[in-house]
Amino acid sequence: MTLHSFAILAYKHSPYLEECIVSLKNQTIQSEIYIATSTPSDFLTKLAEKYALNIIVTESGKGIAHDWNFSLQQAQTKYLTLAHQDDIYLSDYTEKCLKAAEDFEDTIICFTDYLEMMDGKDRDNTLLLKIKRLMFRFFMPLKSNLKSVFWKKRLLSFGCPIAAPSVMYNLKKLEAFNFNDDFSINMDWDAWYRLANKTGRFVFMNQKLLKHRIHNESATTLGLKTNQRQEEDLIMFKRLWPTPIAQLISVLYAKSYSSNEK
């Protein structure tokens, strides 16, 4: 029985989409794979036919949270990864994440470390990656999972170290869960915060099993240019800290985004 699905979040015409598809097809353990989109096109149809994938279409113009929720709801397996169309998944991502997730009956999400890609080159030592890895070392020094609500929230208290494209969701534990359309950038951080209140574990596979692409048209880069990312960061910090402290941490955290610039 297939335990896992990849829902590829496809939007418009990404020149990197085929590379993402190939990385999912080349996993050591095979998963169900489908394309979910609100922007159907001949480009997507041709790629779907080439790799024998289904395309599932939702209505357009509803926002990223709607598209993510739609993609999540289509899965028929226990576990799901929302694959971002510009990213590359290392061949043992599925195998290692499934093993880590299945080690516990109460896994809510399993996530991994990752590399960045920019201009065709891998980057493993940016300021943002250093900060995220420091958070993992500080809040998960002795084990690779967190069960208590307090420590799950502490992991999120100095920023969002959990990379959304790396997350494998246990859908059996996510009944009635939806991404929040009040956010256009930090749907993931908000989701981890709300999931931290649920009974169950956050499981960290401490290996670099994803290559996350940084480019000028990515949602993160565009959000930084408009300051939307910084505004949504402050909202999240205020949930976790008194306002003066939240404002200070937000200013310091924003400096880590310099690695998104060429």
C-alpha atoms as a PDB file:
ATOM      1  CA  MET A   1       0.000   0.000   0.000  1.00  0.00           C
ATOM      2  CA  THR A   2       1.328   3.451  -0.895  1.00  0.00           C
ATOM      3  CA  LEU A   3       1.817   5.537   2.239  1.00  0.00           C
ATOM      4  CA  HIS A   4       2.863   8.832   0.717  1.00  0.00           C
ATOM      5  CA  SER A   5       1.901  11.358  -1.946  1.00  0.00           C
ATOM      6  CA  PHE A   6       3.585  14.369  -3.499  1.00  0.00           C
ATOM      7  CA  ALA A   7       1.244  17.186  -4.479  1.00  0.00           C
ATOM      8  CA  ILE A   8       3.206  19.454  -6.805  1.00  0.00           C
ATOM      9  CA  LEU A   9       2.128  23.066  -6.249  1.00  0.00           C
ATOM     10  CA  ALA A  10       2.257  24.321  -9.836  1.00  0.00           C
ATOM     11  CA  TYR A  11       1.672  27.972 -10.670  1.00  0.00           C
ATOM     12  CA  LYS A  12       1.890  29.462 -14.157  1.00  0.00           C
ATOM     13  CA  HIS A  13       5.022  28.543 -16.122  1.00  0.00           C
ATOM     14  CA  SER A  14       7.980  27.572 -13.946  1.00  0.00           C
ATOM     15  CA  PRO A  15      11.158  26.758 -15.904  1.00  0.00           C
ATOM     16  CA  TYR A  16      12.209  24.552 -12.976  1.00  0.00           C
ATOM     17  CA  LEU A  17       9.089  22.401 -12.726  1.00  0.00           C
ATOM     18  CA  GLU A  18      10.366  19.507 -14.823  1.00  0.00           C
ATOM     19  CA  GLU A  19      13.497  19.248 -12.688  1.00  0.00           C
ATOM     20  CA  CYS A  20      11.269  19.008  -9.619  1.00  0.00           C
ATOM     21  CA  ILE A  21       9.135  16.279 -11.212  1.00  0.00           C
ATOM     22  CA  VAL A  22      12.199  14.235 -12.144  1.00  0.00           C
ATOM     23  CA  SER A  23      13.482  14.425  -8.567  1.00  0.00           C
ATOM     24  CA  LEU A  24      10.154  13.056  -7.291  1.00  0.00           C
ATOM     25  CA  LYS A  25      10.120  10.288  -9.882  1.00  0.00           C
ATOM     26  CA  ASN A  26      13.658   9.279  -8.870  1.00  0.00           C
ATOM     27  CA  GLN A  27      12.886   8.651  -5.189  1.00  0.00           C
ATOM     28  CA  THR A  28      14.083   5.326  -3.748  1.00  0.00           C
ATOM     29  CA  ILE A  29      10.501   4.711  -2.577  1.00  0.00           C
ATOM     30  CA  GLN A  30       7.743   5.525  -5.041  1.00  0.00           C
ATOM     31  CA  SER A  31       4.833   7.766  -4.078  1.00  0.00           C
ATOM     32  CA  GLU A  32       1.613   8.903  -5.632  1.00  0.00           C
ATOM     33  CA  ILE A  33       2.381  12.124  -7.536  1.00  0.00           C
ATOM     34  CA  TYR A  34      -0.100  14.658  -8.864  1.00  0.00           C
ATOM     35  CA  ILE A  35      -0.011  18.255 -10.031  1.00  0.00           C
ATOM     36  CA  ALA A  36      -2.350  20.707  -8.312  1.00  0.00           C
ATOM     37  CA  THR A  37      -2.850  24.098  -9.930  1.00  0.00           C
ATOM     38  CA  SER A  38      -5.124  27.103 -10.252  1.00  0.00           C
ATOM     39  CA  THR A  39      -3.461  28.112 -13.537  1.00  0.00           C
ATOM     40  CA  PRO A  40      -3.936  25.229 -16.027  1.00  0.00           C
ATOM     41  CA  SER A  41      -2.042  25.542 -19.305  1.00  0.00           C
ATOM     42  CA  ASP A  42      -0.703  23.608 -22.276  1.00  0.00           C
ATOM     43  CA  PHE A  43       2.700  23.757 -20.588  1.00  0.00           C
ATOM     44  CA  LEU A  44       1.399  21.824 -17.561  1.00  0.00           C
ATOM     45  CA  THR A  45      -0.604  19.428 -19.713  1.00  0.00           C
ATOM     46  CA  LYS A  46       2.442  18.461 -21.758  1.00  0.00           C
ATOM     47  CA  LEU A  47       4.576  17.854 -18.682  1.00  0.00           C
ATOM     48  CA  ALA A  48       1.802  15.823 -17.048  1.00  0.00           C
ATOM     49  CA  GLU A  49       1.468  13.669 -20.158  1.00  0.00           C
ATOM     50  CA  LYS A  50       5.235  13.216 -20.422  1.00  0.00           C
ATOM     51  CA  TYR A  51       5.487  11.905 -16.851  1.00  0.00           C
ATOM     52  CA  ALA A  52       2.042  10.241 -16.616  1.00  0.00           C
ATOM     53  CA  LEU A  53       0.766  12.535 -13.880  1.00  0.00           C
ATOM     54  CA  ASN A  54      -2.749  13.675 -13.096  1.00  0.00           C
ATOM     55  CA  ILE A  55      -3.544  17.384 -13.026  1.00  0.00           C
ATOM     56  CA  ILE A  56      -6.117  18.528 -10.478  1.00  0.00           C
ATOM     57  CA  VAL A  57      -7.435  22.052 -11.039  1.00  0.00           C
ATOM     58  CA  THR A  58      -8.946  24.481  -8.568  1.00  0.00           C
ATOM     59  CA  GLU A  59     -10.415  27.914  -9.205  1.00  0.00           C
ATOM     60  CA  SER A  60      -7.964  30.746  -9.715  1.00  0.00           C
ATOM     61  CA  GLY A  61      -7.478  33.969  -7.794  1.00  0.00           C
ATOM     62  CA  LYS A  62      -8.209  32.549  -4.348  1.00  0.00           C
ATOM     63  CA  GLY A  63      -4.695  32.957  -2.977  1.00  0.00           C
ATOM     64  CA  ILE A  64      -1.829  30.714  -1.945  1.00  0.00           C
ATOM     65  CA  ALA A  65      -3.487  29.401   1.220  1.00  0.00           C
ATOM     66  CA  HIS A  66      -6.498  28.256  -0.810  1.00  0.00           C
ATOM     67  CA  ASP A  67      -4.228  26.511  -3.325  1.00  0.00           C
ATOM     68  CA  TRP A  68      -2.298  24.744  -0.547  1.00  0.00           C
ATOM     69  CA  ASN A  69      -5.503  23.650   1.171  1.00  0.00           C
ATOM     70  CA  PHE A  70      -6.894  22.319  -2.096  1.00  0.00           C
ATOM     71  CA  SER A  71      -3.701  20.357  -2.749  1.00  0.00           C
ATOM     72  CA  LEU A  72      -3.736  18.941   0.780  1.00  0.00           C
ATOM     73  CA  GLN A  73      -7.338  17.784   0.468  1.00  0.00           C
ATOM     74  CA  GLN A  74      -6.746  15.750  -2.695  1.00  0.00           C
ATOM     75  CA  ALA A  75      -4.358  13.251  -1.098  1.00  0.00           C
ATOM     76  CA  GLN A  76      -5.573   9.700  -0.489  1.00  0.00           C
ATOM     77  CA  THR A  77      -2.501   8.524   1.444  1.00  0.00           C
ATOM     78  CA  LYS A  78      -1.484   8.703   5.097  1.00  0.00           C
ATOM     79  CA  TYR A  79       1.363  11.119   4.407  1.00  0.00           C
ATOM     80  CA  LEU A  80       1.682  14.041   2.019  1.00  0.00           C
ATOM     81  CA  THR A  81       4.403  16.445   0.940  1.00  0.00           C
ATOM     82  CA  LEU A  82       3.423  19.714  -0.734  1.00  0.00           C
ATOM     83  CA  ALA A  83       6.233  19.843  -3.284  1.00  0.00           C
ATOM     84  CA  HIS A  84       7.204  23.345  -4.363  1.00  0.00           C
ATOM     85  CA  GLN A  85       7.635  23.502  -8.116  1.00  0.00           C
ATOM     86  CA  ASP A  86      11.059  25.161  -8.108  1.00  0.00           C
ATOM     87  CA  ASP A  87      12.714  22.818  -5.612  1.00  0.00           C
ATOM     88  CA  ILE A  88      14.589  19.530  -5.890  1.00  0.00           C
ATOM     89  CA  TYR A  89      14.114  16.573  -3.550  1.00  0.00           C
ATOM     90  CA  LEU A  90      17.087  14.292  -2.964  1.00  0.00           C
ATOM     91  CA  SER A  91      16.428  10.689  -3.924  1.00  0.00           C
ATOM     92  CA  ASP A  92      16.138   9.376  -0.357  1.00  0.00           C
ATOM     93  CA  TYR A  93      13.846  12.121   0.940  1.00  0.00           C
ATOM     94  CA  THR A  94      10.710   9.936   0.973  1.00  0.00           C
ATOM     95  CA  GLU A  95      12.407   6.849   2.371  1.00  0.00           C
ATOM     96  CA  LYS A  96      14.113   8.650   5.249  1.00  0.00           C
ATOM     97  CA  CYS A  97      11.152  10.849   6.166  1.00  0.00           C
ATOM     98  CA  LEU A  98       8.749   7.911   6.160  1.00  0.00           C
ATOM     99  CA  LYS A  99      11.052   5.935   8.428  1.00  0.00           C
ATOM    100  CA  ALA A 100      11.403   8.875  10.832  1.00  0.00           C
ATOM    101  CA  ALA A 101       7.666   9.614  10.836  1.00  0.00           C
ATOM    102  CA  GLU A 102       6.680   5.981  11.349  1.00  0.00           C
ATOM    103  CA  ASP A 103       8.961   5.670  14.380  1.00  0.00           C
ATOM    104  CA  PHE A 104       6.196   7.363  16.393  1.00  0.00           C
ATOM    105  CA  GLU A 105       2.455   6.801  16.390  1.00  0.00           C
ATOM    106  CA  ASP A 106       1.788  10.466  17.109  1.00  0.00           C
ATOM    107  CA  THR A 107       3.896  12.195  14.429  1.00  0.00           C
ATOM    108  CA  ILE A 108       2.115  15.298  13.153  1.00  0.00           C
ATOM    109  CA  ILE A 109       4.791  16.552  10.769  1.00  0.00           C
ATOM    110  CA  CYS A 110       8.250  15.373   9.768  1.00  0.00           C
ATOM    111  CA  PHE A 111      10.692  17.857   8.249  1.00  0.00           C
ATOM    112  CA  THR A 112      14.311  18.029   7.108  1.00  0.00           C
ATOM    113  CA  ASP A 113      17.334  20.256   6.798  1.00  0.00           C
ATOM    114  CA  TYR A 114      17.979  21.678   3.344  1.00  0.00           C
ATOM    115  CA  LEU A 115      20.378  23.392   0.962  1.00  0.00           C
ATOM    116  CA  GLU A 116      19.717  26.519  -1.049  1.00  0.00           C
ATOM    117  CA  MET A 117      20.256  26.909  -4.782  1.00  0.00           C
ATOM    118  CA  MET A 118      20.929  30.177  -6.545  1.00  0.00           C
ATOM    119  CA  ASP A 119      22.058  30.652 -10.146  1.00  0.00           C
ATOM    120  CA  GLY A 120      22.639  26.925 -10.513  1.00  0.00           C
ATOM    121  CA  LYS A 121      24.935  26.653  -7.490  1.00  0.00           C
ATOM    122  CA  ASP A 122      24.278  24.967  -4.141  1.00  0.00           C
ATOM    123  CA  ARG A 123      24.652  27.095  -0.997  1.00  0.00           C
ATOM    124  CA  ASP A 124      25.054  25.500   2.420  1.00  0.00           C
ATOM    125  CA  ASN A 125      26.403  28.257   4.626  1.00  0.00           C
ATOM    126  CA  THR A 126      24.138  31.310   4.329  1.00  0.00           C
ATOM    127  CA  LEU A 127      23.212  33.414   7.335  1.00  0.00           C
ATOM    128  CA  LEU A 128      19.597  32.218   7.211  1.00  0.00           C
ATOM    129  CA  LEU A 129      20.626  28.552   7.161  1.00  0.00           C
ATOM    130  CA  LYS A 130      23.045  29.127  10.047  1.00  0.00           C
ATOM    131  CA  ILE A 131      20.305  30.728  12.150  1.00  0.00           C
ATOM    132  CA  LYS A 132      17.825  27.942  11.434  1.00  0.00           C
ATOM    133  CA  ARG A 133      20.345  25.225  12.290  1.00  0.00           C
ATOM    134  CA  LEU A 134      21.250  27.069  15.485  1.00  0.00           C
ATOM    135  CA  MET A 135      17.582  27.014  16.497  1.00  0.00           C
ATOM    136  CA  PHE A 136      17.424  23.257  15.943  1.00  0.00           C
ATOM    137  CA  ARG A 137      20.595  22.672  17.958  1.00  0.00           C
ATOM    138  CA  PHE A 138      19.362  24.846  20.811  1.00  0.00           C
ATOM    139  CA  PHE A 139      15.791  23.546  21.081  1.00  0.00           C
ATOM    140  CA  MET A 140      16.431  19.937  20.007  1.00  0.00           C
ATOM    141  CA  PRO A 141      19.898  19.230  21.444  1.00  0.00           C
ATOM    142  CA  LEU A 142      19.352  15.655  22.601  1.00  0.00           C
ATOM    143  CA  LYS A 143      16.642  14.174  20.401  1.00  0.00           C
ATOM    144  CA  SER A 144      15.124  14.650  16.960  1.00  0.00           C
ATOM    145  CA  ASN A 145      11.508  15.151  18.027  1.00  0.00           C
ATOM    146  CA  LEU A 146       9.432  17.455  20.207  1.00  0.00           C
ATOM    147  CA  LYS A 147       6.201  16.421  21.899  1.00  0.00           C
ATOM    148  CA  SER A 148       5.324  19.101  24.465  1.00  0.00           C
ATOM    149  CA  VAL A 149       3.352  22.153  23.356  1.00  0.00           C
ATOM    150  CA  PHE A 150       5.784  24.410  25.202  1.00  0.00           C
ATOM    151  CA  TRP A 151       8.904  23.192  23.381  1.00  0.00           C
ATOM    152  CA  LYS A 152       7.228  23.014  19.993  1.00  0.00           C
ATOM    153  CA  LYS A 153       6.361  26.702  20.360  1.00  0.00           C
ATOM    154  CA  ARG A 154       9.832  27.545  21.672  1.00  0.00           C
ATOM    155  CA  LEU A 155      11.280  26.078  18.470  1.00  0.00           C
ATOM    156  CA  LEU A 156       9.264  28.688  16.565  1.00  0.00           C
ATOM    157  CA  SER A 157       9.957  31.592  18.905  1.00  0.00           C
ATOM    158  CA  PHE A 158      13.003  33.123  17.186  1.00  0.00           C
ATOM    159  CA  GLY A 159      11.831  32.584  13.611  1.00  0.00           C
ATOM    160  CA  CYS A 160      10.582  29.771  11.419  1.00  0.00           C
ATOM    161  CA  PRO A 161      13.273  27.091  11.085  1.00  0.00           C
ATOM    162  CA  ILE A 162      10.934  24.526   9.482  1.00  0.00           C
ATOM    163  CA  ALA A 163      11.188  24.675   5.694  1.00  0.00           C
ATOM    164  CA  ALA A 164       7.684  24.247   4.258  1.00  0.00           C
ATOM    165  CA  PRO A 165       8.775  22.323   1.127  1.00  0.00           C
ATOM    166  CA  SER A 166      10.513  19.734   3.312  1.00  0.00           C
ATOM    167  CA  VAL A 167       7.486  18.946   5.472  1.00  0.00           C
ATOM    168  CA  MET A 168       5.797  15.554   5.303  1.00  0.00           C
ATOM    169  CA  TYR A 169       2.307  15.838   6.835  1.00  0.00           C
ATOM    170  CA  ASN A 170       0.597  12.994   8.662  1.00  0.00           C
ATOM    171  CA  LEU A 171      -2.918  13.518   7.320  1.00  0.00           C
ATOM    172  CA  LYS A 172      -4.364  11.114   9.892  1.00  0.00           C
ATOM    173  CA  LYS A 173      -3.513  13.739  12.523  1.00  0.00           C
ATOM    174  CA  LEU A 174      -4.710  16.759  10.541  1.00  0.00           C
ATOM    175  CA  GLU A 175      -8.477  16.429  10.480  1.00  0.00           C
ATOM    176  CA  ALA A 176     -10.151  19.794   9.766  1.00  0.00           C
ATOM    177  CA  PHE A 177      -6.744  21.503   9.402  1.00  0.00           C
ATOM    178  CA  ASN A 178      -6.447  24.392   6.932  1.00  0.00           C
ATOM    179  CA  PHE A 179      -3.783  26.932   6.078  1.00  0.00           C
ATOM    180  CA  ASN A 180      -4.804  30.437   7.124  1.00  0.00           C
ATOM    181  CA  ASP A 181      -5.652  32.802   4.252  1.00  0.00           C
ATOM    182  CA  ASP A 182      -4.931  35.796   6.497  1.00  0.00           C
ATOM    183  CA  PHE A 183      -1.311  35.210   5.482  1.00  0.00           C
ATOM    184  CA  SER A 184       0.206  35.369   2.007  1.00  0.00           C
ATOM    185  CA  ILE A 185       3.805  34.498   3.008  1.00  0.00           C
ATOM    186  CA  ASN A 186       3.808  32.984   6.504  1.00  0.00           C
ATOM    187  CA  MET A 187       1.048  30.409   6.034  1.00  0.00           C
ATOM    188  CA  ASP A 188       3.618  27.801   7.056  1.00  0.00           C
ATOM    189  CA  TRP A 189       4.858  29.474  10.249  1.00  0.00           C
ATOM    190  CA  ASP A 190       1.252  30.123  11.297  1.00  0.00           C
ATOM    191  CA  ALA A 191       0.441  26.487  10.533  1.00  0.00           C
ATOM    192  CA  TRP A 192       3.321  25.138  12.640  1.00  0.00           C
ATOM    193  CA  TYR A 193       2.256  27.434  15.506  1.00  0.00           C
ATOM    194  CA  ARG A 194      -1.316  26.104  15.420  1.00  0.00           C
ATOM    195  CA  LEU A 195      -0.172  22.507  14.978  1.00  0.00           C
ATOM    196  CA  ALA A 196       2.122  22.942  17.982  1.00  0.00           C
ATOM    197  CA  ASN A 197      -1.039  23.107  20.111  1.00  0.00           C
ATOM    198  CA  LYS A 198      -2.136  19.671  18.926  1.00  0.00           C
ATOM    199  CA  THR A 199      -1.252  16.448  20.677  1.00  0.00           C
ATOM    200  CA  GLY A 200       1.610  14.825  18.800  1.00  0.00           C
ATOM    201  CA  ARG A 201       5.208  15.222  17.703  1.00  0.00           C
ATOM    202  CA  PHE A 202       7.252  17.395  15.428  1.00  0.00           C
ATOM    203  CA  VAL A 203       9.916  15.056  14.008  1.00  0.00           C
ATOM    204  CA  PHE A 204      13.152  16.403  12.544  1.00  0.00           C
ATOM    205  CA  MET A 205      15.146  14.368  10.034  1.00  0.00           C
ATOM    206  CA  ASN A 206      18.509  16.093  10.501  1.00  0.00           C
ATOM    207  CA  GLN A 207      19.777  15.575   6.982  1.00  0.00           C
ATOM    208  CA  LYS A 208      19.840  17.828   3.926  1.00  0.00           C
ATOM    209  CA  LEU A 209      17.230  16.156   1.751  1.00  0.00           C
ATOM    210  CA  LEU A 210      15.928  19.186  -0.160  1.00  0.00           C
ATOM    211  CA  LYS A 211      17.397  21.843  -2.437  1.00  0.00           C
ATOM    212  CA  HIS A 212      15.374  25.043  -2.132  1.00  0.00           C
ATOM    213  CA  ARG A 213      15.732  27.401  -5.078  1.00  0.00           C
ATOM    214  CA  ILE A 214      16.165  31.138  -4.513  1.00  0.00           C
ATOM    215  CA  HIS A 215      15.254  33.324  -7.477  1.00  0.00           C
ATOM    216  CA  ASN A 216      13.705  36.699  -8.222  1.00  0.00           C
ATOM    217  CA  GLU A 217      10.195  35.342  -8.848  1.00  0.00           C
ATOM    218  CA  SER A 218       9.924  33.190  -5.737  1.00  0.00           C
ATOM    219  CA  ALA A 219       7.209  34.081  -3.246  1.00  0.00           C
ATOM    220  CA  THR A 220       9.767  34.746  -0.520  1.00  0.00           C
ATOM    221  CA  THR A 221      11.817  37.116  -2.666  1.00  0.00           C
ATOM    222  CA  LEU A 222       8.746  39.005  -3.857  1.00  0.00           C
ATOM    223  CA  GLY A 223       7.418  39.206  -0.295  1.00  0.00           C
ATOM    224  CA  LEU A 224      10.680  40.714   0.898  1.00  0.00           C
ATOM    225  CA  LYS A 225      10.602  43.371  -1.817  1.00  0.00           C
ATOM    226  CA  THR A 226       7.126  44.518  -0.753  1.00  0.00           C
ATOM    227  CA  ASN A 227       7.870  44.158   3.004  1.00  0.00           C
ATOM    228  CA  GLN A 228       4.954  41.729   3.290  1.00  0.00           C
ATOM    229  CA  ARG A 229       7.287  39.085   4.708  1.00  0.00           C
ATOM    230  CA  GLN A 230       8.578  41.415   7.402  1.00  0.00           C
ATOM    231  CA  GLU A 231       5.039  42.493   8.365  1.00  0.00           C
ATOM    232  CA  GLU A 232       3.859  38.901   8.695  1.00  0.00           C
ATOM    233  CA  ASP A 233       6.997  37.988  10.675  1.00  0.00           C
ATOM    234  CA  LEU A 234       6.109  40.655  13.240  1.00  0.00           C
ATOM    235  CA  ILE A 235       2.583  39.233  13.567  1.00  0.00           C
ATOM    236  CA  MET A 236       4.070  35.844  14.404  1.00  0.00           C
ATOM    237  CA  PHE A 237       6.647  37.186  16.842  1.00  0.00           C
ATOM    238  CA  LYS A 238       3.878  39.055  18.704  1.00  0.00           C
ATOM    239  CA  ARG A 239       2.133  35.723  19.298  1.00  0.00           C
ATOM    240  CA  LEU A 240       5.233  34.441  21.026  1.00  0.00           C
ATOM    241  CA  TRP A 241       6.669  37.499  22.787  1.00  0.00           C
ATOM    242  CA  PRO A 242       5.574  40.790  24.372  1.00  0.00           C
ATOM    243  CA  THR A 243       5.379  43.502  21.690  1.00  0.00           C
ATOM    244  CA  PRO A 244       8.663  45.338  22.453  1.00  0.00           C
ATOM    245  CA  ILE A 245      10.651  42.092  22.387  1.00  0.00           C
ATOM    246  CA  ALA A 246       8.785  40.909  19.285  1.00  0.00           C
ATOM    247  CA  GLN A 247       9.701  44.119  17.466  1.00  0.00           C
ATOM    248  CA  LEU A 248      13.377  43.762  18.369  1.00  0.00           C
ATOM    249  CA  ILE A 249      13.566  40.104  17.329  1.00  0.00           C
ATOM    250  CA  SER A 250      11.737  40.921  14.091  1.00  0.00           C
ATOM    251  CA  VAL A 251      14.314  43.573  13.169  1.00  0.00           C
ATOM    252  CA  LEU A 252      17.209  41.215  13.912  1.00  0.00           C
ATOM    253  CA  TYR A 253      15.600  38.287  12.099  1.00  0.00           C
ATOM    254  CA  ALA A 254      15.035  40.412   8.988  1.00  0.00           C
ATOM    255  CA  LYS A 255      18.812  40.751   8.608  1.00  0.00           C
ATOM    256  CA  SER A 256      19.036  37.039   7.846  1.00  0.00           C
ATOM    257  CA  TYR A 257      17.077  37.596   4.631  1.00  0.00           C
ATOM    258  CA  SER A 258      20.113  39.284   3.087  1.00  0.00           C
ATOM    259  CA  SER A 259      21.050  35.838   1.763  1.00  0.00           C
ATOM    260  CA  ASN A 260      18.073  36.049  -0.624  1.00  0.00           C
ATOM    261  CA  GLU A 261      19.847  38.859  -2.435  1.00  0.00           C
ATOM    262  CA  LYS A 262      22.332  38.122  -5.167  1.00  0.00           C
END
